Amino acid sequence: MDIKQACDSLRASENREVAALVVQDKALQRVLAVWPMVRREELPQAVTGDMSFADLWGAVRFDEREAVDLTGLPSGVGIAALRRAKGLQLIYPDGSVHRLASAVLKKAINDMLSGGKPK
C-alpha cells in the first residue's frame, strides 16, 4: 500500500463539518490552495491501511517554511494555519485536500470570478 491509498482510506471517514471553518478563515484557505504544490518526500517505510493520521504524517517529509512562503502569509500566522490544517485533517500527507473543504474553496473562487463578494 502506498501513501495515497492510505490517505484515500482515511478520506472515507472525513469530518464534513470541519470544512465550515474554511469559509471565513483566509489563512486556512491559503494553506489549502497551495498544499498540492508543496514538495513532499515519502520516506522509505512501510505504509499500511491501519496507520493513524499522525503515523501517515510521519511517513512524509516537507519543509514547513516552503509551504508557508507559498501562502504569502506572515511566518507565525502561516505556520499556525498549516498546523491547524494538519490537525483538523484538512490536508493529507499525499498532497491532497479535504474534499468538502476543497469544494468550499472552489465556490469562493467562483463567487469572486462571477462578481460576487467573498464571504
PDB file of N, CA and C in Angstrom:
ATOM      1  N   MET A   1       0.854  -1.181   0.000  1.00  0.00           N
ATOM      2  CA  MET A   1       0.000   0.000   0.000  1.00  0.00           C
ATOM      3  C   MET A   1       0.896   1.239   0.000  1.00  0.00           C
ATOM      4  N   ASP A   2       0.531   2.218  -0.809  1.00  0.00           N
ATOM      5  CA  ASP A   2       1.298   3.458  -0.812  1.00  0.00           C
ATOM      6  C   ASP A   2       0.557   4.523  -0.002  1.00  0.00           C
ATOM      7  N   ILE A   3       1.192   5.684   0.133  1.00  0.00           N
ATOM      8  CA  ILE A   3       0.625   6.733   0.989  1.00  0.00           C
ATOM      9  C   ILE A   3      -0.693   7.266   0.436  1.00  0.00           C
ATOM     10  N   LYS A   4      -0.829   7.333  -0.880  1.00  0.00           N
ATOM     11  CA  LYS A   4      -2.075   7.818  -1.473  1.00  0.00           C
ATOM     12  C   LYS A   4      -3.231   6.872  -1.133  1.00  0.00           C
ATOM     13  N   GLN A   5      -3.006   5.594  -1.242  1.00  0.00           N
ATOM     14  CA  GLN A   5      -4.051   4.629  -0.901  1.00  0.00           C
ATOM     15  C   GLN A   5      -4.418   4.718   0.580  1.00  0.00           C
ATOM     16  N   ALA A   6      -3.418   4.885   1.435  1.00  0.00           N
ATOM     17  CA  ALA A   6      -3.687   5.011   2.876  1.00  0.00           C
ATOM     18  C   ALA A   6      -4.497   6.277   3.163  1.00  0.00           C
ATOM     19  N   CYS A   7      -4.157   7.373   2.468  1.00  0.00           N
ATOM     20  CA  CYS A   7      -4.911   8.630   2.653  1.00  0.00           C
ATOM     21  C   CYS A   7      -6.332   8.482   2.126  1.00  0.00           C
ATOM     22  N   ASP A   8      -6.491   7.788   1.006  1.00  0.00           N
ATOM     23  CA  ASP A   8      -7.829   7.547   0.464  1.00  0.00           C
ATOM     24  C   ASP A   8      -8.685   6.772   1.463  1.00  0.00           C
ATOM     25  N   SER A   9      -8.062   5.850   2.155  1.00  0.00           N
ATOM     26  CA  SER A   9      -8.767   5.068   3.169  1.00  0.00           C
ATOM     27  C   SER A   9      -9.260   5.971   4.302  1.00  0.00           C
ATOM     28  N   LEU A  10      -8.414   6.909   4.743  1.00  0.00           N
ATOM     29  CA  LEU A  10      -8.812   7.846   5.802  1.00  0.00           C
ATOM     30  C   LEU A  10      -9.853   8.845   5.304  1.00  0.00           C
ATOM     31  N   ARG A  11      -9.748   9.219   4.044  1.00  0.00           N
ATOM     32  CA  ARG A  11     -10.664  10.205   3.468  1.00  0.00           C
ATOM     33  C   ARG A  11     -12.114   9.701   3.493  1.00  0.00           C
ATOM     34  N   ALA A  12     -12.284   8.411   3.506  1.00  0.00           N
ATOM     35  CA  ALA A  12     -13.629   7.834   3.538  1.00  0.00           C
ATOM     36  C   ALA A  12     -14.393   8.235   4.804  1.00  0.00           C
ATOM     37  N   SER A  13     -13.662   8.607   5.847  1.00  0.00           N
ATOM     38  CA  SER A  13     -14.329   8.984   7.099  1.00  0.00           C
ATOM     39  C   SER A  13     -14.084  10.455   7.450  1.00  0.00           C
ATOM     40  N   GLU A  14     -13.967  11.313   6.433  1.00  0.00           N
ATOM     41  CA  GLU A  14     -13.745  12.733   6.671  1.00  0.00           C
ATOM     42  C   GLU A  14     -14.873  13.345   7.496  1.00  0.00           C
ATOM     43  N   ASN A  15     -14.491  14.256   8.378  1.00  0.00           N
ATOM     44  CA  ASN A  15     -15.460  15.017   9.146  1.00  0.00           C
ATOM     45  C   ASN A  15     -15.929  16.170   8.263  1.00  0.00           C
ATOM     46  N   ARG A  16     -17.166  16.122   7.827  1.00  0.00           N
ATOM     47  CA  ARG A  16     -17.693  17.124   6.904  1.00  0.00           C
ATOM     48  C   ARG A  16     -17.801  18.503   7.551  1.00  0.00           C
ATOM     49  N   GLU A  17     -18.162  18.548   8.801  1.00  0.00           N
ATOM     50  CA  GLU A  17     -18.410  19.814   9.482  1.00  0.00           C
ATOM     51  C   GLU A  17     -17.156  20.676   9.610  1.00  0.00           C
ATOM     52  N   VAL A  18     -15.993  20.054   9.688  1.00  0.00           N
ATOM     53  CA  VAL A  18     -14.758  20.823   9.857  1.00  0.00           C
ATOM     54  C   VAL A  18     -14.508  21.729   8.644  1.00  0.00           C
ATOM     55  N   ALA A  19     -15.069  21.384   7.512  1.00  0.00           N
ATOM     56  CA  ALA A  19     -14.913  22.215   6.310  1.00  0.00           C
ATOM     57  C   ALA A  19     -15.541  23.596   6.497  1.00  0.00           C
ATOM     58  N   ALA A  20     -16.486  23.721   7.410  1.00  0.00           N
ATOM     59  CA  ALA A  20     -17.124  25.017   7.663  1.00  0.00           C
ATOM     60  C   ALA A  20     -16.116  26.048   8.163  1.00  0.00           C
ATOM     61  N   LEU A  21     -15.050  25.599   8.807  1.00  0.00           N
ATOM     62  CA  LEU A  21     -14.028  26.520   9.308  1.00  0.00           C
ATOM     63  C   LEU A  21     -13.321  27.249   8.168  1.00  0.00           C
ATOM     64  N   VAL A  22     -13.303  26.652   7.003  1.00  0.00           N
ATOM     65  CA  VAL A  22     -12.600  27.220   5.854  1.00  0.00           C
ATOM     66  C   VAL A  22     -13.344  28.417   5.283  1.00  0.00           C
ATOM     67  N   VAL A  23     -14.658  28.484   5.487  1.00  0.00           N
ATOM     68  CA  VAL A  23     -15.479  29.532   4.881  1.00  0.00           C
ATOM     69  C   VAL A  23     -14.961  30.920   5.225  1.00  0.00           C
ATOM     70  N   GLN A  24     -14.610  31.173   6.468  1.00  0.00           N
ATOM     71  CA  GLN A  24     -14.216  32.513   6.885  1.00  0.00           C
ATOM     72  C   GLN A  24     -12.732  32.654   7.219  1.00  0.00           C
ATOM     73  N   ASP A  25     -12.007  31.565   7.247  1.00  0.00           N
ATOM     74  CA  ASP A  25     -10.608  31.604   7.653  1.00  0.00           C
ATOM     75  C   ASP A  25      -9.701  31.721   6.428  1.00  0.00           C
ATOM     76  N   LYS A  26      -9.270  32.933   6.130  1.00  0.00           N
ATOM     77  CA  LYS A  26      -8.454  33.212   4.943  1.00  0.00           C
ATOM     78  C   LYS A  26      -7.098  32.514   5.012  1.00  0.00           C
ATOM     79  N   ALA A  27      -6.540  32.392   6.192  1.00  0.00           N
ATOM     80  CA  ALA A  27      -5.244  31.721   6.325  1.00  0.00           C
ATOM     81  C   ALA A  27      -5.379  30.240   5.968  1.00  0.00           C
ATOM     82  N   LEU A  28      -6.423  29.590   6.464  1.00  0.00           N
ATOM     83  CA  LEU A  28      -6.655  28.192   6.095  1.00  0.00           C
ATOM     84  C   LEU A  28      -6.901  28.065   4.599  1.00  0.00           C
ATOM     85  N   GLN A  29      -7.632  28.988   4.020  1.00  0.00           N
ATOM     86  CA  GLN A  29      -7.887  28.957   2.576  1.00  0.00           C
ATOM     87  C   GLN A  29      -6.578  28.980   1.799  1.00  0.00           C
ATOM     88  N   ARG A  30      -5.646  29.818   2.226  1.00  0.00           N
ATOM     89  CA  ARG A  30      -4.359  29.912   1.541  1.00  0.00           C
ATOM     90  C   ARG A  30      -3.565  28.612   1.666  1.00  0.00           C
ATOM     91  N   VAL A  31      -3.596  28.011   2.845  1.00  0.00           N
ATOM     92  CA  VAL A  31      -2.892  26.746   3.038  1.00  0.00           C
ATOM     93  C   VAL A  31      -3.483  25.674   2.120  1.00  0.00           C
ATOM     94  N   LEU A  32      -4.796  25.585   2.075  1.00  0.00           N
ATOM     95  CA  LEU A  32      -5.441  24.585   1.220  1.00  0.00           C
ATOM     96  C   LEU A  32      -5.116  24.825  -0.250  1.00  0.00           C
ATOM     97  N   ALA A  33      -5.057  26.089  -0.641  1.00  0.00           N
ATOM     98  CA  ALA A  33      -4.795  26.420  -2.035  1.00  0.00           C
ATOM     99  C   ALA A  33      -3.393  25.988  -2.471  1.00  0.00           C
ATOM    100  N   VAL A  34      -2.412  26.132  -1.599  1.00  0.00           N
ATOM    101  CA  VAL A  34      -1.039  25.823  -2.006  1.00  0.00           C
ATOM    102  C   VAL A  34      -0.610  24.398  -1.671  1.00  0.00           C
ATOM    103  N   TRP A  35      -1.314  23.730  -0.795  1.00  0.00           N
ATOM    104  CA  TRP A  35      -0.857  22.424  -0.308  1.00  0.00           C
ATOM    105  C   TRP A  35      -0.526  21.432  -1.429  1.00  0.00           C
ATOM    106  N   PRO A  36      -1.323  21.304  -2.467  1.00  0.00           N
ATOM    107  CA  PRO A  36      -0.953  20.335  -3.520  1.00  0.00           C
ATOM    108  C   PRO A  36       0.373  20.661  -4.218  1.00  0.00           C
ATOM    109  N   MET A  37       0.848  21.896  -4.125  1.00  0.00           N
ATOM    110  CA  MET A  37       2.093  22.298  -4.794  1.00  0.00           C
ATOM    111  C   MET A  37       3.330  22.175  -3.906  1.00  0.00           C
ATOM    112  N   VAL A  38       3.135  21.905  -2.638  1.00  0.00           N
ATOM    113  CA  VAL A  38       4.267  21.790  -1.718  1.00  0.00           C
ATOM    114  C   VAL A  38       5.005  20.482  -1.997  1.00  0.00           C
ATOM    115  N   ARG A  39       6.319  20.580  -2.118  1.00  0.00           N
ATOM    116  CA  ARG A  39       7.124  19.381  -2.362  1.00  0.00           C
ATOM    117  C   ARG A  39       7.143  18.506  -1.110  1.00  0.00           C
ATOM    118  N   ARG A  40       6.870  17.248  -1.318  1.00  0.00           N
ATOM    119  CA  ARG A  40       6.877  16.273  -0.238  1.00  0.00           C
ATOM    120  C   ARG A  40       7.763  15.105  -0.632  1.00  0.00           C
ATOM    121  N   GLU A  41       8.365  14.501   0.349  1.00  0.00           N
ATOM    122  CA  GLU A  41       9.178  13.312   0.115  1.00  0.00           C
ATOM    123  C   GLU A  41       8.610  12.184   0.964  1.00  0.00           C
ATOM    124  N   GLU A  42       8.233  11.108   0.301  1.00  0.00           N
ATOM    125  CA  GLU A  42       7.748   9.942   1.035  1.00  0.00           C
ATOM    126  C   GLU A  42       8.953   9.183   1.560  1.00  0.00           C
ATOM    127  N   LEU A  43       8.975   8.952   2.861  1.00  0.00           N
ATOM    128  CA  LEU A  43      10.106   8.273   3.482  1.00  0.00           C
ATOM    129  C   LEU A  43      10.003   6.772   3.251  1.00  0.00           C
ATOM    130  N   PRO A  44      11.144   6.114   3.163  1.00  0.00           N
ATOM    131  CA  PRO A  44      11.139   4.676   2.871  1.00  0.00           C
ATOM    132  C   PRO A  44      10.733   3.849   4.092  1.00  0.00           C
ATOM    133  N   GLN A  45       9.466   3.732   4.276  1.00  0.00           N
ATOM    134  CA  GLN A  45       8.953   2.895   5.355  1.00  0.00           C
ATOM    135  C   GLN A  45       7.644   2.291   4.861  1.00  0.00           C
ATOM    136  N   ALA A  46       7.267   1.212   5.442  1.00  0.00           N
ATOM    137  CA  ALA A  46       6.049   0.538   5.016  1.00  0.00           C
ATOM    138  C   ALA A  46       4.825   1.326   5.453  1.00  0.00           C
ATOM    139  N   VAL A  47       3.952   1.600   4.505  1.00  0.00           N
ATOM    140  CA  VAL A  47       2.684   2.266   4.802  1.00  0.00           C
ATOM    141  C   VAL A  47       1.607   1.198   4.781  1.00  0.00           C
ATOM    142  N   THR A  48       0.806   1.176   5.829  1.00  0.00           N
ATOM    143  CA  THR A  48      -0.256   0.176   5.910  1.00  0.00           C
ATOM    144  C   THR A  48      -1.609   0.862   6.027  1.00  0.00           C
ATOM    145  N   GLY A  49      -2.650   0.144   5.713  1.00  0.00           N
ATOM    146  CA  GLY A  49      -4.005   0.686   5.747  1.00  0.00           C
ATOM    147  C   GLY A  49      -4.509   1.001   7.135  1.00  0.00           C
ATOM    148  N   ASP A  50      -3.860   0.472   8.153  1.00  0.00           N
ATOM    149  CA  ASP A  50      -4.332   0.700   9.514  1.00  0.00           C
ATOM    150  C   ASP A  50      -3.530   1.780  10.242  1.00  0.00           C
ATOM    151  N   MET A  51      -2.720   2.538   9.495  1.00  0.00           N
ATOM    152  CA  MET A  51      -1.938   3.605  10.122  1.00  0.00           C
ATOM    153  C   MET A  51      -2.848   4.760  10.502  1.00  0.00           C
ATOM    154  N   SER A  52      -2.520   5.400  11.610  1.00  0.00           N
ATOM    155  CA  SER A  52      -3.275   6.576  12.036  1.00  0.00           C
ATOM    156  C   SER A  52      -2.873   7.759  11.161  1.00  0.00           C
ATOM    157  N   PHE A  53      -3.653   8.818  11.254  1.00  0.00           N
ATOM    158  CA  PHE A  53      -3.361  10.035  10.511  1.00  0.00           C
ATOM    159  C   PHE A  53      -1.972  10.556  10.900  1.00  0.00           C
ATOM    160  N   ALA A  54      -1.673  10.569  12.188  1.00  0.00           N
ATOM    161  CA  ALA A  54      -0.369  11.038  12.675  1.00  0.00           C
ATOM    162  C   ALA A  54       0.760  10.163  12.147  1.00  0.00           C
ATOM    163  N   ASP A  55       0.552   8.854  12.105  1.00  0.00           N
ATOM    164  CA  ASP A  55       1.573   7.952  11.585  1.00  0.00           C
ATOM    165  C   ASP A  55       1.835   8.214  10.106  1.00  0.00           C
ATOM    166  N   LEU A  56       0.789   8.519   9.355  1.00  0.00           N
ATOM    167  CA  LEU A  56       0.970   8.825   7.932  1.00  0.00           C
ATOM    168  C   LEU A  56       1.785  10.097   7.745  1.00  0.00           C
ATOM    169  N   TRP A  57       1.564  11.093   8.610  1.00  0.00           N
ATOM    170  CA  TRP A  57       2.374  12.311   8.529  1.00  0.00           C
ATOM    171  C   TRP A  57       3.831  11.997   8.810  1.00  0.00           C
ATOM    172  N   GLY A  58       4.082  10.997   9.636  1.00  0.00           N
ATOM    173  CA  GLY A  58       5.451  10.587   9.919  1.00  0.00           C
ATOM    174  C   GLY A  58       6.122   9.894   8.742  1.00  0.00           C
ATOM    175  N   ALA A  59       5.336   9.524   7.750  1.00  0.00           N
ATOM    176  CA  ALA A  59       5.864   8.826   6.573  1.00  0.00           C
ATOM    177  C   ALA A  59       6.261   9.787   5.450  1.00  0.00           C
ATOM    178  N   VAL A  60       6.081  11.082   5.669  1.00  0.00           N
ATOM    179  CA  VAL A  60       6.473  12.072   4.661  1.00  0.00           C
ATOM    180  C   VAL A  60       7.297  13.186   5.315  1.00  0.00           C
ATOM    181  N   ARG A  61       8.068  13.838   4.473  1.00  0.00           N
ATOM    182  CA  ARG A  61       8.844  14.978   4.934  1.00  0.00           C
ATOM    183  C   ARG A  61       8.552  16.135   3.979  1.00  0.00           C
ATOM    184  N   PHE A  62       8.389  17.323   4.553  1.00  0.00           N
ATOM    185  CA  PHE A  62       8.220  18.525   3.745  1.00  0.00           C
ATOM    186  C   PHE A  62       8.728  19.699   4.559  1.00  0.00           C
ATOM    187  N   ASP A  63       8.981  20.790   3.884  1.00  0.00           N
ATOM    188  CA  ASP A  63       9.526  21.975   4.522  1.00  0.00           C
ATOM    189  C   ASP A  63       8.388  22.928   4.877  1.00  0.00           C
ATOM    190  N   GLU A  64       8.108  23.074   6.167  1.00  0.00           N
ATOM    191  CA  GLU A  64       7.036  23.976   6.609  1.00  0.00           C
ATOM    192  C   GLU A  64       7.261  25.393   6.105  1.00  0.00           C
ATOM    193  N   ARG A  65       8.493  25.828   6.125  1.00  0.00           N
ATOM    194  CA  ARG A  65       8.814  27.192   5.691  1.00  0.00           C
ATOM    195  C   ARG A  65       8.458  27.393   4.220  1.00  0.00           C
ATOM    196  N   GLU A  66       8.773  26.410   3.394  1.00  0.00           N
ATOM    197  CA  GLU A  66       8.421  26.496   1.973  1.00  0.00           C
ATOM    198  C   GLU A  66       6.907  26.588   1.813  1.00  0.00           C
ATOM    199  N   ALA A  67       6.191  25.756   2.550  1.00  0.00           N
ATOM    200  CA  ALA A  67       4.728  25.764   2.462  1.00  0.00           C
ATOM    201  C   ALA A  67       4.174  27.129   2.864  1.00  0.00           C
ATOM    202  N   VAL A  68       4.686  27.681   3.948  1.00  0.00           N
ATOM    203  CA  VAL A  68       4.221  28.981   4.424  1.00  0.00           C
ATOM    204  C   VAL A  68       4.601  30.077   3.434  1.00  0.00           C
ATOM    205  N   ASP A  69       5.795  30.006   2.887  1.00  0.00           N
ATOM    206  CA  ASP A  69       6.217  31.012   1.899  1.00  0.00           C
ATOM    207  C   ASP A  69       5.265  31.035   0.709  1.00  0.00           C
ATOM    208  N   LEU A  70       4.819  29.879   0.274  1.00  0.00           N
ATOM    209  CA  LEU A  70       3.893  29.819  -0.864  1.00  0.00           C
ATOM    210  C   LEU A  70       2.557  30.491  -0.547  1.00  0.00           C
ATOM    211  N   THR A  71       2.149  30.481   0.704  1.00  0.00           N
ATOM    212  CA  THR A  71       0.869  31.093   1.070  1.00  0.00           C
ATOM    213  C   THR A  71       0.920  32.615   1.041  1.00  0.00           C
ATOM    214  N   GLY A  72       2.116  33.179   1.220  1.00  0.00           N
ATOM    215  CA  GLY A  72       2.248  34.629   1.295  1.00  0.00           C
ATOM    216  C   GLY A  72       1.860  35.196   2.655  1.00  0.00           C
ATOM    217  N   LEU A  73       1.621  34.332   3.608  1.00  0.00           N
ATOM    218  CA  LEU A  73       1.257  34.764   4.960  1.00  0.00           C
ATOM    219  C   LEU A  73       2.503  35.069   5.780  1.00  0.00           C
ATOM    220  N   PRO A  74       2.370  35.934   6.790  1.00  0.00           N
ATOM    221  CA  PRO A  74       3.480  36.105   7.731  1.00  0.00           C
ATOM    222  C   PRO A  74       3.807  34.756   8.371  1.00  0.00           C
ATOM    223  N   SER A  75       5.055  34.545   8.691  1.00  0.00           N
ATOM    224  CA  SER A  75       5.531  33.253   9.166  1.00  0.00           C
ATOM    225  C   SER A  75       4.696  32.640  10.292  1.00  0.00           C
ATOM    226  N   GLY A  76       4.493  33.394  11.374  1.00  0.00           N
ATOM    227  CA  GLY A  76       3.746  32.851  12.518  1.00  0.00           C
ATOM    228  C   GLY A  76       2.316  32.472  12.172  1.00  0.00           C
ATOM    229  N   VAL A  77       1.655  33.332  11.417  1.00  0.00           N
ATOM    230  CA  VAL A  77       0.266  33.074  11.004  1.00  0.00           C
ATOM    231  C   VAL A  77       0.221  31.856  10.089  1.00  0.00           C
ATOM    232  N   GLY A  78       1.174  31.788   9.162  1.00  0.00           N
ATOM    233  CA  GLY A  78       1.201  30.684   8.203  1.00  0.00           C
ATOM    234  C   GLY A  78       1.469  29.344   8.855  1.00  0.00           C
ATOM    235  N   ILE A  79       2.431  29.314   9.775  1.00  0.00           N
ATOM    236  CA  ILE A  79       2.732  28.054  10.461  1.00  0.00           C
ATOM    237  C   ILE A  79       1.541  27.606  11.291  1.00  0.00           C
ATOM    238  N   ALA A  80       0.908  28.551  11.985  1.00  0.00           N
ATOM    239  CA  ALA A  80      -0.273  28.203  12.782  1.00  0.00           C
ATOM    240  C   ALA A  80      -1.383  27.649  11.885  1.00  0.00           C
ATOM    241  N   ALA A  81      -1.615  28.281  10.740  1.00  0.00           N
ATOM    242  CA  ALA A  81      -2.667  27.822   9.822  1.00  0.00           C
ATOM    243  C   ALA A  81      -2.325  26.451   9.245  1.00  0.00           C
ATOM    244  N   LEU A  82      -1.057  26.242   8.895  1.00  0.00           N
ATOM    245  CA  LEU A  82      -0.630  24.947   8.368  1.00  0.00           C
ATOM    246  C   LEU A  82      -0.827  23.850   9.408  1.00  0.00           C
ATOM    247  N   ARG A  83      -0.450  24.121  10.617  1.00  0.00           N
ATOM    248  CA  ARG A  83      -0.596  23.119  11.683  1.00  0.00           C
ATOM    249  C   ARG A  83      -2.067  22.875  12.010  1.00  0.00           C
ATOM    250  N   ARG A  84      -2.884  23.926  11.928  1.00  0.00           N
ATOM    251  CA  ARG A  84      -4.331  23.737  12.127  1.00  0.00           C
ATOM    252  C   ARG A  84      -4.897  22.871  11.016  1.00  0.00           C
ATOM    253  N   ALA A  85      -4.488  23.136   9.775  1.00  0.00           N
ATOM    254  CA  ALA A  85      -4.978  22.348   8.643  1.00  0.00           C
ATOM    255  C   ALA A  85      -4.613  20.870   8.811  1.00  0.00           C
ATOM    256  N   LYS A  86      -3.401  20.606   9.294  1.00  0.00           N
ATOM    257  CA  LYS A  86      -2.992  19.220   9.552  1.00  0.00           C
ATOM    258  C   LYS A  86      -3.830  18.618  10.672  1.00  0.00           C
ATOM    259  N   GLY A  87      -3.921  19.333  11.789  1.00  0.00           N
ATOM    260  CA  GLY A  87      -4.642  18.829  12.957  1.00  0.00           C
ATOM    261  C   GLY A  87      -6.122  18.603  12.702  1.00  0.00           C
ATOM    262  N   LEU A  88      -6.703  19.451  11.870  1.00  0.00           N
ATOM    263  CA  LEU A  88      -8.126  19.323  11.536  1.00  0.00           C
ATOM    264  C   LEU A  88      -8.367  18.352  10.390  1.00  0.00           C
ATOM    265  N   GLN A  89      -7.304  17.772   9.886  1.00  0.00           N
ATOM    266  CA  GLN A  89      -7.343  16.828   8.770  1.00  0.00           C
ATOM    267  C   GLN A  89      -7.946  17.459   7.511  1.00  0.00           C
ATOM    268  N   LEU A  90      -7.565  18.713   7.274  1.00  0.00           N
ATOM    269  CA  LEU A  90      -7.980  19.406   6.059  1.00  0.00           C
ATOM    270  C   LEU A  90      -6.985  19.188   4.928  1.00  0.00           C
ATOM    271  N   ILE A  91      -5.748  18.819   5.282  1.00  0.00           N
ATOM    272  CA  ILE A  91      -4.750  18.454   4.290  1.00  0.00           C
ATOM    273  C   ILE A  91      -4.230  17.068   4.626  1.00  0.00           C
ATOM    274  N   TYR A  92      -3.802  16.365   3.582  1.00  0.00           N
ATOM    275  CA  TYR A  92      -3.326  14.989   3.744  1.00  0.00           C
ATOM    276  C   TYR A  92      -1.858  14.885   3.346  1.00  0.00           C
ATOM    277  N   PRO A  93      -1.143  13.929   3.914  1.00  0.00           N
ATOM    278  CA  PRO A  93       0.281  13.785   3.624  1.00  0.00           C
ATOM    279  C   PRO A  93       0.605  13.506   2.154  1.00  0.00           C
ATOM    280  N   ASP A  94      -0.357  13.031   1.388  1.00  0.00           N
ATOM    281  CA  ASP A  94      -0.094  12.741  -0.026  1.00  0.00           C
ATOM    282  C   ASP A  94      -0.244  13.971  -0.917  1.00  0.00           C
ATOM    283  N   GLY A  95      -0.572  15.128  -0.318  1.00  0.00           N
ATOM    284  CA  GLY A  95      -0.719  16.356  -1.090  1.00  0.00           C
ATOM    285  C   GLY A  95      -2.153  16.689  -1.445  1.00  0.00           C
ATOM    286  N   SER A  96      -3.074  15.878  -1.000  1.00  0.00           N
ATOM    287  CA  SER A  96      -4.484  16.135  -1.295  1.00  0.00           C
ATOM    288  C   SER A  96      -5.122  16.976  -0.186  1.00  0.00           C
ATOM    289  N   VAL A  97      -6.335  17.428  -0.467  1.00  0.00           N
ATOM    290  CA  VAL A  97      -7.064  18.322   0.430  1.00  0.00           C
ATOM    291  C   VAL A  97      -8.429  17.706   0.729  1.00  0.00           C
ATOM    292  N   HIS A  98      -8.918  17.925   1.927  1.00  0.00           N
ATOM    293  CA  HIS A  98     -10.260  17.502   2.355  1.00  0.00           C
ATOM    294  C   HIS A  98     -11.259  17.831   1.238  1.00  0.00           C
ATOM    295  N   ARG A  99     -12.053  16.881   0.843  1.00  0.00           N
ATOM    296  CA  ARG A  99     -12.944  17.067  -0.319  1.00  0.00           C
ATOM    297  C   ARG A  99     -13.916  18.228  -0.173  1.00  0.00           C
ATOM    298  N   LEU A 100     -14.611  18.305   0.942  1.00  0.00           N
ATOM    299  CA  LEU A 100     -15.605  19.359   1.119  1.00  0.00           C
ATOM    300  C   LEU A 100     -14.931  20.720   1.311  1.00  0.00           C
ATOM    301  N   ALA A 101     -13.797  20.746   2.001  1.00  0.00           N
ATOM    302  CA  ALA A 101     -13.062  21.999   2.168  1.00  0.00           C
ATOM    303  C   ALA A 101     -12.587  22.507   0.808  1.00  0.00           C
ATOM    304  N   SER A 102     -12.172  21.601  -0.051  1.00  0.00           N
ATOM    305  CA  SER A 102     -11.771  21.976  -1.406  1.00  0.00           C
ATOM    306  C   SER A 102     -12.954  22.555  -2.173  1.00  0.00           C
ATOM    307  N   ALA A 103     -14.121  21.971  -2.009  1.00  0.00           N
ATOM    308  CA  ALA A 103     -15.332  22.473  -2.671  1.00  0.00           C
ATOM    309  C   ALA A 103     -15.690  23.866  -2.155  1.00  0.00           C
ATOM    310  N   VAL A 104     -15.509  24.103  -0.856  1.00  0.00           N
ATOM    311  CA  VAL A 104     -15.768  25.424  -0.269  1.00  0.00           C
ATOM    312  C   VAL A 104     -14.835  26.457  -0.910  1.00  0.00           C
ATOM    313  N   LEU A 105     -13.574  26.098  -1.048  1.00  0.00           N
ATOM    314  CA  LEU A 105     -12.593  26.994  -1.648  1.00  0.00           C
ATOM    315  C   LEU A 105     -12.935  27.275  -3.119  1.00  0.00           C
ATOM    316  N   LYS A 106     -13.308  26.250  -3.856  1.00  0.00           N
ATOM    317  CA  LYS A 106     -13.684  26.427  -5.270  1.00  0.00           C
ATOM    318  C   LYS A 106     -14.906  27.321  -5.409  1.00  0.00           C
ATOM    319  N   LYS A 107     -15.873  27.168  -4.513  1.00  0.00           N
ATOM    320  CA  LYS A 107     -17.066  28.011  -4.568  1.00  0.00           C
ATOM    321  C   LYS A 107     -16.701  29.470  -4.307  1.00  0.00           C
ATOM    322  N   ALA A 108     -15.825  29.716  -3.347  1.00  0.00           N
ATOM    323  CA  ALA A 108     -15.392  31.085  -3.058  1.00  0.00           C
ATOM    324  C   ALA A 108     -14.725  31.701  -4.286  1.00  0.00           C
ATOM    325  N   ILE A 109     -13.920  30.913  -4.972  1.00  0.00           N
ATOM    326  CA  ILE A 109     -13.258  31.396  -6.186  1.00  0.00           C
ATOM    327  C   ILE A 109     -14.294  31.696  -7.261  1.00  0.00           C
ATOM    328  N   ASN A 110     -15.225  30.793  -7.474  1.00  0.00           N
ATOM    329  CA  ASN A 110     -16.276  31.005  -8.475  1.00  0.00           C
ATOM    330  C   ASN A 110     -17.110  32.235  -8.161  1.00  0.00           C
ATOM    331  N   ASP A 111     -17.421  32.442  -6.894  1.00  0.00           N
ATOM    332  CA  ASP A 111     -18.188  33.613  -6.492  1.00  0.00           C
ATOM    333  C   ASP A 111     -17.425  34.901  -6.807  1.00  0.00           C
ATOM    334  N   MET A 112     -16.128  34.898  -6.529  1.00  0.00           N
ATOM    335  CA  MET A 112     -15.321  36.086  -6.809  1.00  0.00           C
ATOM    336  C   MET A 112     -15.244  36.343  -8.314  1.00  0.00           C
ATOM    337  N   LEU A 113     -15.089  35.289  -9.087  1.00  0.00           N
ATOM    338  CA  LEU A 113     -14.965  35.453 -10.537  1.00  0.00           C
ATOM    339  C   LEU A 113     -16.270  35.883 -11.184  1.00  0.00           C
ATOM    340  N   SER A 114     -17.379  35.542 -10.562  1.00  0.00           N
ATOM    341  CA  SER A 114     -18.683  35.924 -11.141  1.00  0.00           C
ATOM    342  C   SER A 114     -19.169  37.278 -10.612  1.00  0.00           C
ATOM    343  N   GLY A 115     -18.305  37.983  -9.909  1.00  0.00           N
ATOM    344  CA  GLY A 115     -18.656  39.321  -9.437  1.00  0.00           C
ATOM    345  C   GLY A 115     -19.234  39.363  -8.047  1.00  0.00           C
ATOM    346  N   GLY A 116     -19.385  38.206  -7.417  1.00  0.00           N
ATOM    347  CA  GLY A 116     -19.897  38.183  -6.046  1.00  0.00           C
ATOM    348  C   GLY A 116     -18.803  38.581  -5.078  1.00  0.00           C
ATOM    349  N   LYS A 117     -19.188  38.958  -3.910  1.00  0.00           N
ATOM    350  CA  LYS A 117     -18.216  39.332  -2.893  1.00  0.00           C
ATOM    351  C   LYS A 117     -17.851  38.107  -2.087  1.00  0.00           C
ATOM    352  N   PRO A 118     -16.556  37.922  -1.808  1.00  0.00           N
ATOM    353  CA  PRO A 118     -16.167  36.790  -0.962  1.00  0.00           C
ATOM    354  C   PRO A 118     -16.716  36.970   0.440  1.00  0.00           C
ATOM    355  N   LYS A 119     -17.087  35.868   1.037  1.00  0.00           N
ATOM    356  CA  LYS A 119     -17.662  35.910   2.384  1.00  0.00           C
ATOM    357  C   LYS A 119     -16.618  35.657   3.413  1.00  0.00           C
TER     358      LYS A 119
END
